Amino acid sequence: MQDGWQKYSYEGPVLYFDRAVIDRWKGETIAPSEKKARSNLAYQAKKQLNLIASSNIKLPGTIRPVI
């Protein structure tokens, strides 16, 4: 991995307009910060749900660094 980049994982619900559309979704990404990791994971969830990139989804759970 590049310097400063970390692998992050998420396991939890995916909300679409504040309604749970997936109760337990899992995803992983490599990013330079937790904020960017959340963005990457949200984009992955949108693609799996066949939503456009500008769709309003939230990942309310905790994003954890993978050691």
PDB file of N, CA and C in Angstrom:
ATOM      1  N   MET A   1       0.832  -1.186   0.000  1.00  0.00           N
ATOM      2  CA  MET A   1       0.000   0.000   0.000  1.00  0.00           C
ATOM      3  C   MET A   1       0.879   1.253   0.000  1.00  0.00           C
ATOM      4  N   GLN A   2       0.335   2.310  -0.486  1.00  0.00           N
ATOM      5  CA  GLN A   2       1.066   3.569  -0.508  1.00  0.00           C
ATOM      6  C   GLN A   2       1.146   4.146   0.902  1.00  0.00           C
ATOM      7  N   ASP A   3       2.154   4.993   1.126  1.00  0.00           N
ATOM      8  CA  ASP A   3       2.301   5.628   2.437  1.00  0.00           C
ATOM      9  C   ASP A   3       1.053   6.429   2.782  1.00  0.00           C
ATOM     10  N   GLY A   4       0.566   6.252   4.012  1.00  0.00           N
ATOM     11  CA  GLY A   4      -0.594   6.994   4.472  1.00  0.00           C
ATOM     12  C   GLY A   4      -1.930   6.386   4.094  1.00  0.00           C
ATOM     13  N   TRP A   5      -1.927   5.349   3.289  1.00  0.00           N
ATOM     14  CA  TRP A   5      -3.173   4.700   2.890  1.00  0.00           C
ATOM     15  C   TRP A   5      -3.455   3.549   3.836  1.00  0.00           C
ATOM     16  N   GLN A   6      -4.729   3.300   4.107  1.00  0.00           N
ATOM     17  CA  GLN A   6      -5.150   2.288   5.061  1.00  0.00           C
ATOM     18  C   GLN A   6      -6.318   1.501   4.459  1.00  0.00           C
ATOM     19  N   LYS A   7      -6.420   0.258   4.819  1.00  0.00           N
ATOM     20  CA  LYS A   7      -7.564  -0.549   4.402  1.00  0.00           C
ATOM     21  C   LYS A   7      -8.659  -0.394   5.456  1.00  0.00           C
ATOM     22  N   TYR A   8      -9.886  -0.153   5.014  1.00  0.00           N
ATOM     23  CA  TYR A   8     -11.031   0.041   5.897  1.00  0.00           C
ATOM     24  C   TYR A   8     -12.131  -0.953   5.546  1.00  0.00           C
ATOM     25  N   SER A   9     -12.919  -1.326   6.560  1.00  0.00           N
ATOM     26  CA  SER A   9     -14.054  -2.215   6.316  1.00  0.00           C
ATOM     27  C   SER A   9     -15.299  -1.649   6.996  1.00  0.00           C
ATOM     28  N   TYR A  10     -16.441  -2.037   6.451  1.00  0.00           N
ATOM     29  CA  TYR A  10     -17.734  -1.629   7.004  1.00  0.00           C
ATOM     30  C   TYR A  10     -18.654  -2.830   6.988  1.00  0.00           C
ATOM     31  N   GLU A  11     -19.358  -3.017   8.075  1.00  0.00           N
ATOM     32  CA  GLU A  11     -20.403  -4.033   8.138  1.00  0.00           C
ATOM     33  C   GLU A  11     -21.555  -3.431   8.928  1.00  0.00           C
ATOM     34  N   GLY A  12     -22.678  -3.246   8.243  1.00  0.00           N
ATOM     35  CA  GLY A  12     -23.825  -2.632   8.899  1.00  0.00           C
ATOM     36  C   GLY A  12     -24.905  -2.288   7.895  1.00  0.00           C
ATOM     37  N   PRO A  13     -25.894  -1.533   8.331  1.00  0.00           N
ATOM     38  CA  PRO A  13     -27.022  -1.206   7.454  1.00  0.00           C
ATOM     39  C   PRO A  13     -26.670  -0.164   6.400  1.00  0.00           C
ATOM     40  N   VAL A  14     -27.457  -0.171   5.335  1.00  0.00           N
ATOM     41  CA  VAL A  14     -27.392   0.863   4.302  1.00  0.00           C
ATOM     42  C   VAL A  14     -28.764   1.528   4.285  1.00  0.00           C
ATOM     43  N   LEU A  15     -28.767   2.847   4.452  1.00  0.00           N
ATOM     44  CA  LEU A  15     -30.012   3.608   4.466  1.00  0.00           C
ATOM     45  C   LEU A  15     -30.167   4.385   3.165  1.00  0.00           C
ATOM     46  N   TYR A  16     -31.355   4.326   2.600  1.00  0.00           N
ATOM     47  CA  TYR A  16     -31.700   5.073   1.394  1.00  0.00           C
ATOM     48  C   TYR A  16     -32.855   5.983   1.758  1.00  0.00           C
ATOM     49  N   PHE A  17     -32.612   7.288   1.804  1.00  0.00           N
ATOM     50  CA  PHE A  17     -33.588   8.261   2.303  1.00  0.00           C
ATOM     51  C   PHE A  17     -34.078   7.860   3.687  1.00  0.00           C
ATOM     52  N   ASP A  18     -33.131   7.515   4.555  1.00  0.00           N
ATOM     53  CA  ASP A  18     -33.357   7.167   5.966  1.00  0.00           C
ATOM     54  C   ASP A  18     -34.205   5.916   6.179  1.00  0.00           C
ATOM     55  N   ARG A  19     -34.311   5.064   5.182  1.00  0.00           N
ATOM     56  CA  ARG A  19     -34.981   3.768   5.320  1.00  0.00           C
ATOM     57  C   ARG A  19     -33.967   2.680   5.014  1.00  0.00           C
ATOM     58  N   ALA A  20     -33.921   1.665   5.862  1.00  0.00           N
ATOM     59  CA  ALA A  20     -32.956   0.581   5.670  1.00  0.00           C
ATOM     60  C   ALA A  20     -33.333  -0.233   4.427  1.00  0.00           C
ATOM     61  N   VAL A  21     -32.410  -0.306   3.478  1.00  0.00           N
ATOM     62  CA  VAL A  21     -32.624  -1.124   2.288  1.00  0.00           C
ATOM     63  C   VAL A  21     -31.793  -2.405   2.358  1.00  0.00           C
ATOM     64  N   ILE A  22     -30.744  -2.378   3.166  1.00  0.00           N
ATOM     65  CA  ILE A  22     -29.953  -3.573   3.450  1.00  0.00           C
ATOM     66  C   ILE A  22     -29.653  -3.539   4.945  1.00  0.00           C
ATOM     67  N   ASP A  23     -29.973  -4.644   5.641  1.00  0.00           N
ATOM     68  CA  ASP A  23     -29.745  -4.697   7.082  1.00  0.00           C
ATOM     69  C   ASP A  23     -28.281  -4.911   7.442  1.00  0.00           C
ATOM     70  N   ARG A  24     -27.579  -5.697   6.623  1.00  0.00           N
ATOM     71  CA  ARG A  24     -26.196  -6.028   6.948  1.00  0.00           C
ATOM     72  C   ARG A  24     -25.378  -6.111   5.669  1.00  0.00           C
ATOM     73  N   TRP A  25     -24.758  -5.027   5.311  1.00  0.00           N
ATOM     74  CA  TRP A  25     -23.938  -4.958   4.106  1.00  0.00           C
ATOM     75  C   TRP A  25     -22.473  -4.946   4.513  1.00  0.00           C
ATOM     76  N   LYS A  26     -21.632  -5.606   3.728  1.00  0.00           N
ATOM     77  CA  LYS A  26     -20.197  -5.646   4.001  1.00  0.00           C
ATOM     78  C   LYS A  26     -19.439  -5.062   2.823  1.00  0.00           C
ATOM     79  N   GLY A  27     -18.415  -4.270   3.129  1.00  0.00           N
ATOM     80  CA  GLY A  27     -17.576  -3.709   2.089  1.00  0.00           C
ATOM     81  C   GLY A  27     -16.203  -3.385   2.622  1.00  0.00           C
ATOM     82  N   GLU A  28     -15.238  -3.321   1.715  1.00  0.00           N
ATOM     83  CA  GLU A  28     -13.860  -2.946   2.059  1.00  0.00           C
ATOM     84  C   GLU A  28     -13.320  -2.002   1.002  1.00  0.00           C
ATOM     85  N   THR A  29     -12.396  -1.140   1.423  1.00  0.00           N
ATOM     86  CA  THR A  29     -11.762  -0.212   0.505  1.00  0.00           C
ATOM     87  C   THR A  29     -10.400   0.185   1.055  1.00  0.00           C
ATOM     88  N   ILE A  30      -9.585   0.751   0.207  1.00  0.00           N
ATOM     89  CA  ILE A  30      -8.305   1.313   0.612  1.00  0.00           C
ATOM     90  C   ILE A  30      -8.374   2.812   0.335  1.00  0.00           C
ATOM     91  N   ALA A  31      -8.079   3.612   1.367  1.00  0.00           N
ATOM     92  CA  ALA A  31      -8.221   5.065   1.237  1.00  0.00           C
ATOM     93  C   ALA A  31      -7.230   5.778   2.155  1.00  0.00           C
ATOM     94  N   PRO A  32      -6.971   7.059   1.858  1.00  0.00           N
ATOM     95  CA  PRO A  32      -6.034   7.819   2.688  1.00  0.00           C
ATOM     96  C   PRO A  32      -6.632   8.312   4.009  1.00  0.00           C
ATOM     97  N   SER A  33      -7.979   8.308   4.124  1.00  0.00           N
ATOM     98  CA  SER A  33      -8.623   8.774   5.347  1.00  0.00           C
ATOM     99  C   SER A  33      -9.949   8.041   5.547  1.00  0.00           C
ATOM    100  N   GLU A  34     -10.476   8.113   6.761  1.00  0.00           N
ATOM    101  CA  GLU A  34     -11.765   7.477   7.046  1.00  0.00           C
ATOM    102  C   GLU A  34     -12.892   8.155   6.271  1.00  0.00           C
ATOM    103  N   LYS A  35     -12.800   9.464   6.100  1.00  0.00           N
ATOM    104  CA  LYS A  35     -13.821  10.206   5.347  1.00  0.00           C
ATOM    105  C   LYS A  35     -13.886   9.719   3.897  1.00  0.00           C
ATOM    106  N   LYS A  36     -12.733   9.554   3.266  1.00  0.00           N
ATOM    107  CA  LYS A  36     -12.691   9.067   1.890  1.00  0.00           C
ATOM    108  C   LYS A  36     -13.142   7.615   1.828  1.00  0.00           C
ATOM    109  N   ALA A  37     -12.797   6.820   2.846  1.00  0.00           N
ATOM    110  CA  ALA A  37     -13.228   5.421   2.892  1.00  0.00           C
ATOM    111  C   ALA A  37     -14.752   5.341   2.933  1.00  0.00           C
ATOM    112  N   ARG A  38     -15.381   6.199   3.743  1.00  0.00           N
ATOM    113  CA  ARG A  38     -16.856   6.205   3.825  1.00  0.00           C
ATOM    114  C   ARG A  38     -17.456   6.548   2.464  1.00  0.00           C
ATOM    115  N   SER A  39     -16.861   7.504   1.777  1.00  0.00           N
ATOM    116  CA  SER A  39     -17.326   7.885   0.449  1.00  0.00           C
ATOM    117  C   SER A  39     -17.184   6.722  -0.537  1.00  0.00           C
ATOM    118  N   ASN A  40     -16.037   6.062  -0.508  1.00  0.00           N
ATOM    119  CA  ASN A  40     -15.810   4.915  -1.400  1.00  0.00           C
ATOM    120  C   ASN A  40     -16.793   3.792  -1.124  1.00  0.00           C
ATOM    121  N   LEU A  41     -17.028   3.499   0.149  1.00  0.00           N
ATOM    122  CA  LEU A  41     -17.942   2.421   0.523  1.00  0.00           C
ATOM    123  C   LEU A  41     -19.382   2.754   0.134  1.00  0.00           C
ATOM    124  N   ALA A  42     -19.774   4.008   0.309  1.00  0.00           N
ATOM    125  CA  ALA A  42     -21.117   4.423  -0.096  1.00  0.00           C
ATOM    126  C   ALA A  42     -21.292   4.251  -1.605  1.00  0.00           C
ATOM    127  N   TYR A  43     -20.266   4.598  -2.364  1.00  0.00           N
ATOM    128  CA  TYR A  43     -20.320   4.432  -3.815  1.00  0.00           C
ATOM    129  C   TYR A  43     -20.452   2.946  -4.188  1.00  0.00           C
ATOM    130  N   GLN A  44     -19.713   2.083  -3.507  1.00  0.00           N
ATOM    131  CA  GLN A  44     -19.814   0.638  -3.759  1.00  0.00           C
ATOM    132  C   GLN A  44     -21.234   0.140  -3.489  1.00  0.00           C
ATOM    133  N   ALA A  45     -21.823   0.591  -2.380  1.00  0.00           N
ATOM    134  CA  ALA A  45     -23.188   0.177  -2.034  1.00  0.00           C
ATOM    135  C   ALA A  45     -24.177   0.657  -3.091  1.00  0.00           C
ATOM    136  N   LYS A  46     -24.011   1.886  -3.570  1.00  0.00           N
ATOM    137  CA  LYS A  46     -24.892   2.411  -4.618  1.00  0.00           C
ATOM    138  C   LYS A  46     -24.807   1.553  -5.872  1.00  0.00           C
ATOM    139  N   LYS A  47     -23.610   1.167  -6.255  1.00  0.00           N
ATOM    140  CA  LYS A  47     -23.438   0.339  -7.451  1.00  0.00           C
ATOM    141  C   LYS A  47     -24.101  -1.023  -7.276  1.00  0.00           C
ATOM    142  N   GLN A  48     -23.977  -1.619  -6.095  1.00  0.00           N
ATOM    143  CA  GLN A  48     -24.607  -2.922  -5.848  1.00  0.00           C
ATOM    144  C   GLN A  48     -26.129  -2.824  -5.847  1.00  0.00           C
ATOM    145  N   LEU A  49     -26.650  -1.662  -5.471  1.00  0.00           N
ATOM    146  CA  LEU A  49     -28.098  -1.446  -5.456  1.00  0.00           C
ATOM    147  C   LEU A  49     -28.623  -0.899  -6.786  1.00  0.00           C
ATOM    148  N   ASN A  50     -27.728  -0.764  -7.767  1.00  0.00           N
ATOM    149  CA  ASN A  50     -28.082  -0.219  -9.082  1.00  0.00           C
ATOM    150  C   ASN A  50     -28.660   1.193  -8.988  1.00  0.00           C
ATOM    151  N   LEU A  51     -28.064   2.013  -8.119  1.00  0.00           N
ATOM    152  CA  LEU A  51     -28.458   3.405  -7.974  1.00  0.00           C
ATOM    153  C   LEU A  51     -27.434   4.291  -8.674  1.00  0.00           C
ATOM    154  N   ILE A  52     -27.856   5.488  -9.025  1.00  0.00           N
ATOM    155  CA  ILE A  52     -26.907   6.417  -9.632  1.00  0.00           C
ATOM    156  C   ILE A  52     -26.000   6.992  -8.539  1.00  0.00           C
ATOM    157  N   ALA A  53     -24.863   7.509  -8.934  1.00  0.00           N
ATOM    158  CA  ALA A  53     -23.849   7.979  -7.985  1.00  0.00           C
ATOM    159  C   ALA A  53     -24.350   9.103  -7.081  1.00  0.00           C
ATOM    160  N   SER A  54     -25.295   9.899  -7.546  1.00  0.00           N
ATOM    161  CA  SER A  54     -25.786  11.022  -6.738  1.00  0.00           C
ATOM    162  C   SER A  54     -26.933  10.635  -5.798  1.00  0.00           C
ATOM    163  N   SER A  55     -27.271   9.360  -5.712  1.00  0.00           N
ATOM    164  CA  SER A  55     -28.343   8.910  -4.822  1.00  0.00           C
ATOM    165  C   SER A  55     -27.991   9.200  -3.370  1.00  0.00           C
ATOM    166  N   ASN A  56     -29.014   9.415  -2.560  1.00  0.00           N
ATOM    167  CA  ASN A  56     -28.831   9.751  -1.149  1.00  0.00           C
ATOM    168  C   ASN A  56     -28.844   8.482  -0.295  1.00  0.00           C
ATOM    169  N   ILE A  57     -27.662   7.940  -0.005  1.00  0.00           N
ATOM    170  CA  ILE A  57     -27.586   6.804   0.906  1.00  0.00           C
ATOM    171  C   ILE A  57     -26.655   7.159   2.058  1.00  0.00           C
ATOM    172  N   LYS A  58     -26.839   6.430   3.170  1.00  0.00           N
ATOM    173  CA  LYS A  58     -26.005   6.641   4.358  1.00  0.00           C
ATOM    174  C   LYS A  58     -25.533   5.294   4.878  1.00  0.00           C
ATOM    175  N   LEU A  59     -24.338   5.300   5.435  1.00  0.00           N
ATOM    176  CA  LEU A  59     -23.781   4.143   6.126  1.00  0.00           C
ATOM    177  C   LEU A  59     -23.641   4.557   7.587  1.00  0.00           C
ATOM    178  N   PRO A  60     -24.655   4.293   8.434  1.00  0.00           N
ATOM    179  CA  PRO A  60     -24.643   4.829   9.785  1.00  0.00           C
ATOM    180  C   PRO A  60     -23.710   4.101  10.768  1.00  0.00           C
ATOM    181  N   GLY A  61     -23.217   2.955  10.388  1.00  0.00           N
ATOM    182  CA  GLY A  61     -22.344   2.191  11.282  1.00  0.00           C
ATOM    183  C   GLY A  61     -20.934   2.722  11.324  1.00  0.00           C
ATOM    184  N   THR A  62     -20.084   1.973  12.015  1.00  0.00           N
ATOM    185  CA  THR A  62     -18.693   2.356  12.200  1.00  0.00           C
ATOM    186  C   THR A  62     -17.827   1.791  11.087  1.00  0.00           C
ATOM    187  N   ILE A  63     -16.961   2.623  10.561  1.00  0.00           N
ATOM    188  CA  ILE A  63     -15.966   2.170   9.578  1.00  0.00           C
ATOM    189  C   ILE A  63     -14.685   1.901  10.350  1.00  0.00           C
ATOM    190  N   ARG A  64     -14.175   0.680  10.207  1.00  0.00           N
ATOM    191  CA  ARG A  64     -13.020   0.268  11.000  1.00  0.00           C
ATOM    192  C   ARG A  64     -11.793   0.058  10.132  1.00  0.00           C
ATOM    193  N   PRO A  65     -10.641   0.502  10.618  1.00  0.00           N
ATOM    194  CA  PRO A  65      -9.397   0.195   9.909  1.00  0.00           C
ATOM    195  C   PRO A  65      -9.084  -1.296  10.051  1.00  0.00           C
ATOM    196  N   VAL A  66      -8.605  -1.900   8.976  1.00  0.00           N
ATOM    197  CA  VAL A  66      -8.210  -3.307   8.998  1.00  0.00           C
ATOM    198  C   VAL A  66      -6.733  -3.356   9.321  1.00  0.00           C
ATOM    199  N   ILE A  67      -6.387  -4.149  10.321  1.00  0.00           N
ATOM    200  CA  ILE A  67      -4.979  -4.239  10.745  1.00  0.00           C
ATOM    201  C   ILE A  67      -4.321  -5.436  10.093  1.00  0.00           C
TER     202      ILE A  67
END
